[in-house]
Amino acid sequence: MNADGKRSVTLDEIPFLGVGLGFRQDLKGAMLSNAHRIDFLELVTDQYMDKPPFKEEEAKALAEQFPLVMHGVDLSIGTDGPVDREYVGKMQKVAAWSRARWVSDHLCFTRVPGVSIGNLTPLAFTEEAAAVAIRNTREVMAAFDVPFLLENISYYFRVPPSRLSEAEFIQCVIRESGCYMLLDLANVQNNAINNGYDPFAFLNQMPLDRVVQIHLAGGYYHQGILLDTHSHRVPTDVLDLLAHVAPRLPNLKAVMIERDQEFPPIEELLEELDQVREVLASRWTPLHGRPAVTRPSGAERGGGVPSAPRAPAG
C-alpha cells in the first residue's frame, strides 16, 4: 500500500505496452493520425504542471487513445534535503489525469536547496549519495499506487570523489530503494564512448530484472563528444545494445524512442518503431512468451489499472 492506504498496482498487473514514442506537440497531429502504429505514449510530466486547463484536458484525451506513462525531469531525487512535496503533489495530479501505468524520473539532481541548476546533473558515486537517493526514492514511491522508475543519465563529467563505479551506484540505489529502472540505452552508449568503457560490459552489471522501460535515441558528435540531443534516428550501435540486453529483461513492459528536435516525417519514426519491434521479436519474445509486435487491444488499453492518487487539495 502507498502512504494514503491505497493498494499499490503490482508490475504483474500491467500488460506489456509495446513500442512507443515520447509525446511532442510538434508531432501531435501526426501521432493521432497514426495511432494504430504507436503502442503507447510517454508524457513529460513537467509539461503538464502549472499549465492552463487545456493541458489537463489534453492528458485526459490522450489517455482515451493510448496507454500513457509519465516521465519527469525535475524531481531531483539526489538532492540532499527533503523531497519537494509540492512537486510530488503536482506529479500525482498529472498521473491521475493521464491514468499513467507508471511514473519515472532521473537518478541525478537538478537543484540544491535554494538553487535550481536547470540540468540533469550527475551525483558523486558514493555510499553517502546513494543513501540520499534511496531515502528520497522510498518517499516518492510511497506517494504513488503505480510503480516508480529511475533512469540512468548521460553525463559529461564526474563528480569527485566517486568511490563506487557507476554500475555499482545504480545497482545500490535501485535494489535498496525497491524501485524499478528505466534503462536508457542511448545514455549508456554516450557515456561509454565519452568515458572510454565497454557498454556491453556495463549492461552486464545493471539490475536487469528491475528494468521496466527502455529509452532509445540518437545524438551527434560535437568537438569529439557524443551529445545526447535526441535529434537523430536511433543508431545501429544502440539497437545492438537492445539486442544484447533484451533476452535478460523478464519484466520489460515498454520500449520507446525519444525525439526532441529536428523532427523527421512521421513515417520515418514509424519505421524506426518497426525496427525496434523486429529486434524484440527475435531477441525478447521467444524467451519471455509475450508478443512485442502488436498494439495492445482496446481492453488492455482501457481501465483495469488504478490511477495514481490525486494530491491533497490545497
Protein backbone atom coordinates (compact mmCIF):
# COMPACT_ATOMS: atom_id res chain seq x y z
CA MET A 1 0.00 0.00 0.00
CA ASN A 2 1.04 3.58 -0.54
CA ALA A 3 1.13 6.38 2.03
CA ASP A 4 -2.60 7.05 1.50
CA GLY A 5 -3.51 3.45 2.29
CA LYS A 6 -4.43 2.60 -1.31
CA ARG A 7 -3.44 -0.76 -2.73
CA SER A 8 -0.42 -0.42 -5.00
CA VAL A 9 -0.54 -1.82 -8.50
CA THR A 10 1.91 -4.68 -8.95
CA LEU A 11 4.03 -4.97 -12.05
CA ASP A 12 2.30 -8.24 -12.96
CA GLU A 13 -0.98 -6.34 -13.31
CA ILE A 14 0.44 -4.09 -16.03
CA PRO A 15 0.40 -5.58 -19.53
CA PHE A 16 3.26 -5.28 -21.98
CA LEU A 17 2.60 -1.91 -23.63
CA GLY A 18 4.76 -2.36 -26.72
CA VAL A 19 6.90 0.11 -28.65
CA GLY A 20 6.02 3.79 -28.48
CA LEU A 21 7.08 7.41 -28.70
CA GLY A 22 7.52 10.38 -26.45
CA PHE A 23 4.59 12.74 -26.97
CA ARG A 24 5.71 16.01 -28.57
CA GLN A 25 3.44 18.90 -29.54
CA ASP A 26 5.17 19.28 -32.91
CA LEU A 27 4.12 15.72 -33.76
CA LYS A 28 0.69 15.70 -32.14
CA GLY A 29 -1.36 15.66 -35.33
CA ALA A 30 0.82 13.04 -36.98
CA MET A 31 0.74 10.85 -33.87
CA LEU A 32 -3.04 10.99 -33.63
CA SER A 33 -3.39 10.21 -37.33
CA ASN A 34 -1.14 7.17 -36.94
CA ALA A 35 -2.32 6.00 -33.55
CA HIS A 36 -2.76 2.44 -34.82
CA ARG A 37 1.03 2.19 -35.32
CA ILE A 38 2.08 3.66 -31.96
CA ASP A 39 1.61 1.33 -29.00
CA PHE A 40 1.86 3.90 -26.20
CA LEU A 41 2.99 7.46 -25.45
CA GLU A 42 5.22 8.89 -22.76
CA LEU A 43 4.28 12.31 -21.37
CA VAL A 44 6.88 14.68 -19.94
CA THR A 45 5.37 15.32 -16.52
CA ASP A 46 6.69 18.86 -16.18
CA GLN A 47 4.93 19.98 -19.37
CA TYR A 48 1.59 19.46 -17.58
CA MET A 49 2.43 21.16 -14.28
CA ASP A 50 1.16 24.67 -13.55
CA LYS A 51 -0.34 24.91 -17.02
CA PRO A 52 -3.69 26.20 -18.35
CA PRO A 53 -6.68 23.84 -18.01
CA PHE A 54 -6.42 22.70 -21.63
CA LYS A 55 -3.26 20.74 -20.72
CA GLU A 56 -5.23 18.67 -18.23
CA GLU A 57 -7.83 18.04 -20.92
CA GLU A 58 -5.10 17.08 -23.38
CA ALA A 59 -3.68 14.48 -20.98
CA LYS A 60 -7.14 13.05 -20.37
CA ALA A 61 -7.89 12.91 -24.10
CA LEU A 62 -4.60 11.19 -24.88
CA ALA A 63 -5.36 8.64 -22.16
CA GLU A 64 -8.51 7.69 -24.07
CA GLN A 65 -6.46 6.86 -27.18
CA PHE A 66 -3.17 5.50 -25.86
CA PRO A 67 -1.73 3.81 -22.80
CA LEU A 68 0.34 6.55 -21.16
CA VAL A 69 3.40 6.59 -18.92
CA MET A 70 4.90 9.62 -17.17
CA HIS A 71 8.48 10.84 -17.25
CA GLY A 72 9.69 13.81 -15.21
CA VAL A 73 12.85 15.89 -15.35
CA ASP A 74 12.96 17.95 -12.15
CA LEU A 75 12.22 15.66 -9.19
CA SER A 76 15.91 15.90 -8.19
CA ILE A 77 15.93 12.58 -6.37
CA GLY A 78 19.60 13.02 -5.40
CA THR A 79 19.25 16.36 -3.61
CA ASP A 80 20.47 16.04 -0.02
CA GLY A 81 17.41 17.51 1.62
CA PRO A 82 13.68 16.95 2.00
CA VAL A 83 11.75 15.72 -1.02
CA ASP A 84 9.84 18.57 -2.68
CA ARG A 85 6.34 17.52 -1.64
CA GLU A 86 4.71 20.28 -3.67
CA TYR A 87 6.39 18.92 -6.80
CA VAL A 88 5.35 15.36 -5.93
CA GLY A 89 1.78 16.58 -5.46
CA LYS A 90 1.83 18.01 -8.98
CA MET A 91 3.19 14.69 -10.25
CA GLN A 92 0.25 12.96 -8.60
CA LYS A 93 -2.23 15.19 -10.41
CA VAL A 94 -0.69 14.54 -13.82
CA ALA A 95 -0.57 10.81 -13.09
CA ALA A 96 -4.27 10.84 -12.27
CA TRP A 97 -5.22 12.79 -15.41
CA SER A 98 -3.17 10.50 -17.65
CA ARG A 99 -4.00 7.23 -15.88
CA ALA A 100 -0.26 6.62 -16.01
CA ARG A 101 0.83 2.99 -15.88
CA TRP A 102 3.95 4.14 -14.05
CA VAL A 103 5.91 7.30 -13.29
CA SER A 104 9.62 7.92 -13.71
CA ASP A 105 12.39 10.47 -13.31
CA HIS A 106 16.19 10.53 -13.36
CA LEU A 107 18.86 9.31 -10.97
CA CYS A 108 20.55 12.69 -10.61
CA PHE A 109 19.99 16.10 -9.07
CA THR A 110 18.67 19.27 -10.68
CA ARG A 111 18.78 21.60 -7.70
CA VAL A 112 20.27 22.16 -4.28
CA PRO A 113 18.38 23.96 -1.51
CA GLY A 114 17.58 27.42 -2.83
CA VAL A 115 19.26 26.98 -6.22
CA SER A 116 17.94 25.44 -9.45
CA ILE A 117 20.69 24.03 -11.66
CA GLY A 118 18.48 23.56 -14.71
CA ASN A 119 20.23 20.40 -15.91
CA LEU A 120 20.29 16.69 -15.14
CA THR A 121 23.48 16.68 -13.07
CA PRO A 122 25.36 13.51 -12.09
CA LEU A 123 25.75 12.52 -8.48
CA ALA A 124 29.01 11.51 -6.86
CA PHE A 125 29.18 7.73 -6.98
CA THR A 126 29.50 7.28 -3.22
CA GLU A 127 27.68 5.38 -0.48
CA GLU A 128 26.56 8.69 1.02
CA ALA A 129 24.98 9.94 -2.22
CA ALA A 130 23.35 6.56 -2.74
CA ALA A 131 21.84 6.71 0.75
CA VAL A 132 20.26 10.09 -0.01
CA ALA A 133 18.82 8.85 -3.31
CA ILE A 134 17.49 5.68 -1.64
CA ARG A 135 15.79 7.66 1.13
CA ASN A 136 14.19 10.10 -1.29
CA THR A 137 13.14 7.37 -3.71
CA ARG A 138 11.35 5.45 -0.98
CA GLU A 139 9.44 8.58 -0.01
CA VAL A 140 8.39 9.23 -3.61
CA MET A 141 7.37 5.61 -4.12
CA ALA A 142 5.05 5.86 -1.12
CA ALA A 143 3.15 8.70 -2.81
CA PHE A 144 2.01 6.57 -5.77
CA ASP A 145 -0.01 3.41 -6.26
CA VAL A 146 1.78 2.66 -9.55
CA PRO A 147 5.45 1.68 -9.99
CA PHE A 148 8.19 4.31 -9.84
CA LEU A 149 11.23 4.09 -12.14
CA LEU A 150 14.62 5.81 -12.13
CA GLU A 151 16.60 6.44 -15.32
CA ASN A 152 20.37 6.38 -15.81
CA ILE A 153 21.51 9.73 -17.18
CA SER A 154 24.02 10.89 -19.77
CA TYR A 155 26.85 12.94 -18.27
CA TYR A 156 29.95 14.80 -19.44
CA PHE A 157 31.89 14.98 -16.17
CA ARG A 158 32.13 13.02 -12.94
CA VAL A 159 31.60 14.49 -9.50
CA PRO A 160 34.53 13.65 -7.20
CA PRO A 161 35.01 11.66 -5.11
CA SER A 162 33.45 8.62 -6.80
CA ARG A 163 34.32 5.62 -4.66
CA LEU A 164 31.83 3.34 -6.44
CA SER A 165 31.62 2.57 -10.12
CA GLU A 166 28.59 3.96 -11.92
CA ALA A 167 27.19 0.44 -12.25
CA GLU A 168 27.65 -0.25 -8.53
CA PHE A 169 25.97 3.05 -7.69
CA ILE A 170 22.94 2.36 -9.89
CA GLN A 171 22.64 -1.21 -8.59
CA CYS A 172 22.73 0.03 -5.00
CA VAL A 173 20.05 2.69 -5.43
CA ILE A 174 17.66 0.55 -7.49
CA ARG A 175 17.89 -2.53 -5.30
CA GLU A 176 18.00 -0.86 -1.89
CA SER A 177 15.14 1.53 -2.62
CA GLY A 178 12.97 -1.16 -4.20
CA CYS A 179 12.13 0.96 -7.26
CA TYR A 180 12.31 -0.15 -10.88
CA MET A 181 14.60 1.07 -13.65
CA LEU A 182 14.16 2.97 -16.87
CA LEU A 183 17.22 1.88 -18.83
CA ASP A 184 18.31 4.50 -21.36
CA LEU A 185 20.49 2.65 -23.87
CA ALA A 186 21.43 5.82 -25.73
CA ASN A 187 22.81 7.21 -22.46
CA VAL A 188 24.78 4.00 -21.91
CA GLN A 189 26.27 4.33 -25.40
CA ASN A 190 27.06 8.03 -24.95
CA ASN A 191 28.73 7.54 -21.57
CA ALA A 192 30.71 4.55 -22.81
CA ILE A 193 32.09 6.48 -25.78
CA ASN A 194 32.75 9.70 -23.87
CA ASN A 195 34.29 7.98 -20.84
CA GLY A 196 36.07 5.09 -22.55
CA TYR A 197 34.35 1.96 -21.31
CA ASP A 198 32.61 -1.06 -22.83
CA PRO A 199 28.81 -0.54 -22.99
CA PHE A 200 28.14 -4.28 -23.17
CA ALA A 201 30.17 -4.94 -20.02
CA PHE A 202 28.36 -2.06 -18.32
CA LEU A 203 24.96 -3.52 -19.20
CA ASN A 204 26.02 -6.85 -17.76
CA GLN A 205 26.33 -5.09 -14.38
CA MET A 206 22.89 -3.47 -14.45
CA PRO A 207 19.92 -4.69 -12.34
CA LEU A 208 18.27 -6.09 -15.46
CA ASP A 209 15.49 -7.86 -13.57
CA ARG A 210 14.31 -4.40 -12.42
CA VAL A 211 14.14 -2.86 -15.92
CA VAL A 212 10.56 -1.97 -16.89
CA GLN A 213 11.11 0.55 -19.68
CA ILE A 214 13.83 1.30 -22.22
CA HIS A 215 14.65 4.61 -23.91
CA LEU A 216 16.30 4.76 -27.33
CA ALA A 217 17.55 7.90 -29.07
CA GLY A 218 20.17 9.33 -31.39
CA GLY A 219 22.56 12.25 -30.94
CA TYR A 220 25.59 13.65 -32.72
CA TYR A 221 29.26 14.44 -32.17
CA HIS A 222 30.48 17.93 -31.33
CA GLN A 223 34.22 18.52 -30.89
CA GLY A 224 34.76 14.83 -30.28
CA ILE A 225 31.99 14.47 -27.68
CA LEU A 226 28.85 12.44 -28.38
CA LEU A 227 25.92 14.61 -27.30
CA ASP A 228 22.60 13.29 -26.02
CA THR A 229 20.39 15.52 -28.16
CA HIS A 230 17.51 13.22 -29.18
CA SER A 231 17.82 14.80 -32.62
CA HIS A 232 18.68 11.87 -34.89
CA ARG A 233 17.42 8.38 -35.64
CA VAL A 234 18.40 5.57 -33.29
CA PRO A 235 21.85 4.39 -34.44
CA THR A 236 22.71 0.78 -35.12
CA ASP A 237 25.06 0.75 -32.11
CA VAL A 238 22.15 1.47 -29.77
CA LEU A 239 19.94 -1.15 -31.42
CA ASP A 240 22.81 -3.60 -30.92
CA LEU A 241 22.69 -2.83 -27.19
CA LEU A 242 18.96 -3.55 -27.22
CA ALA A 243 19.55 -6.88 -28.94
CA HIS A 244 22.25 -7.72 -26.39
CA VAL A 245 20.22 -6.95 -23.31
CA ALA A 246 16.67 -7.89 -24.37
CA PRO A 247 16.86 -11.62 -23.55
CA ARG A 248 17.64 -10.76 -19.91
CA LEU A 249 14.71 -8.40 -19.29
CA PRO A 250 11.98 -10.54 -17.69
CA ASN A 251 9.97 -7.52 -16.50
CA LEU A 252 10.21 -5.34 -19.60
CA LYS A 253 6.92 -3.55 -20.31
CA ALA A 254 7.78 -0.89 -22.89
CA VAL A 255 10.43 0.39 -25.30
CA MET A 256 10.30 3.94 -26.52
CA ILE A 257 12.06 6.27 -28.95
CA GLU A 258 12.82 9.82 -27.82
CA ARG A 259 12.89 12.56 -30.45
CA ASP A 260 13.00 16.17 -29.24
CA GLN A 261 14.20 18.18 -32.23
CA GLU A 262 14.86 18.02 -35.98
CA PHE A 263 11.67 16.02 -36.34
CA PRO A 264 11.54 13.85 -39.45
CA PRO A 265 8.36 12.92 -41.34
CA ILE A 266 6.24 10.70 -39.11
CA GLU A 267 6.74 7.75 -41.46
CA GLU A 268 10.44 7.69 -40.59
CA LEU A 269 9.66 7.46 -36.88
CA LEU A 270 7.09 4.74 -37.52
CA GLU A 271 9.68 2.79 -39.49
CA GLU A 272 12.04 3.10 -36.52
CA LEU A 273 9.33 1.68 -34.25
CA ASP A 274 9.04 -1.29 -36.60
CA GLN A 275 12.82 -1.79 -36.45
CA VAL A 276 12.62 -1.96 -32.67
CA ARG A 277 9.74 -4.43 -32.87
CA GLU A 278 11.87 -6.65 -35.10
CA VAL A 279 14.66 -6.68 -32.51
CA LEU A 280 12.23 -7.56 -29.74
CA ALA A 281 10.52 -10.22 -31.83
CA SER A 282 13.82 -12.00 -32.40
CA ARG A 283 15.59 -11.38 -29.09
CA TRP A 284 12.92 -10.90 -26.40
CA THR A 285 9.63 -12.56 -27.36
CA PRO A 286 10.99 -16.12 -27.82
CA LEU A 287 12.29 -16.12 -24.23
CA HIS A 288 9.51 -14.27 -22.47
CA GLY A 289 6.50 -15.52 -24.38
CA ARG A 290 4.65 -12.25 -24.89
CA PRO A 291 4.03 -10.50 -28.20
CA ALA A 292 6.22 -7.49 -28.87
CA VAL A 293 4.97 -6.58 -32.30
CA THR A 294 1.27 -5.81 -31.96
CA ARG A 295 -0.55 -2.93 -30.40
CA PRO A 296 -2.47 -3.65 -27.16
CA SER A 297 -6.16 -4.36 -27.60
CA GLY A 298 -8.85 -1.94 -26.51
CA ALA A 299 -9.44 -3.95 -23.35
CA GLU A 300 -5.80 -3.71 -22.36
CA ARG A 301 -5.67 -0.02 -23.24
CA GLY A 302 -8.65 0.94 -21.16
CA GLY A 303 -9.21 0.70 -17.42
CA GLY A 304 -8.07 -2.06 -15.16
CA VAL A 305 -5.02 -0.27 -13.78
CA PRO A 306 -5.97 2.05 -10.91
CA SER A 307 -4.94 5.65 -11.36
CA ALA A 308 -2.34 7.33 -9.20
CA PRO A 309 -3.80 9.26 -6.25
CA ARG A 310 -4.58 12.91 -6.58
CA ALA A 311 -2.65 15.33 -4.45
CA PRO A 312 -4.48 16.59 -1.36
CA ALA A 313 -6.49 19.73 -2.03
CA GLY A 314 -4.52 22.88 -1.38
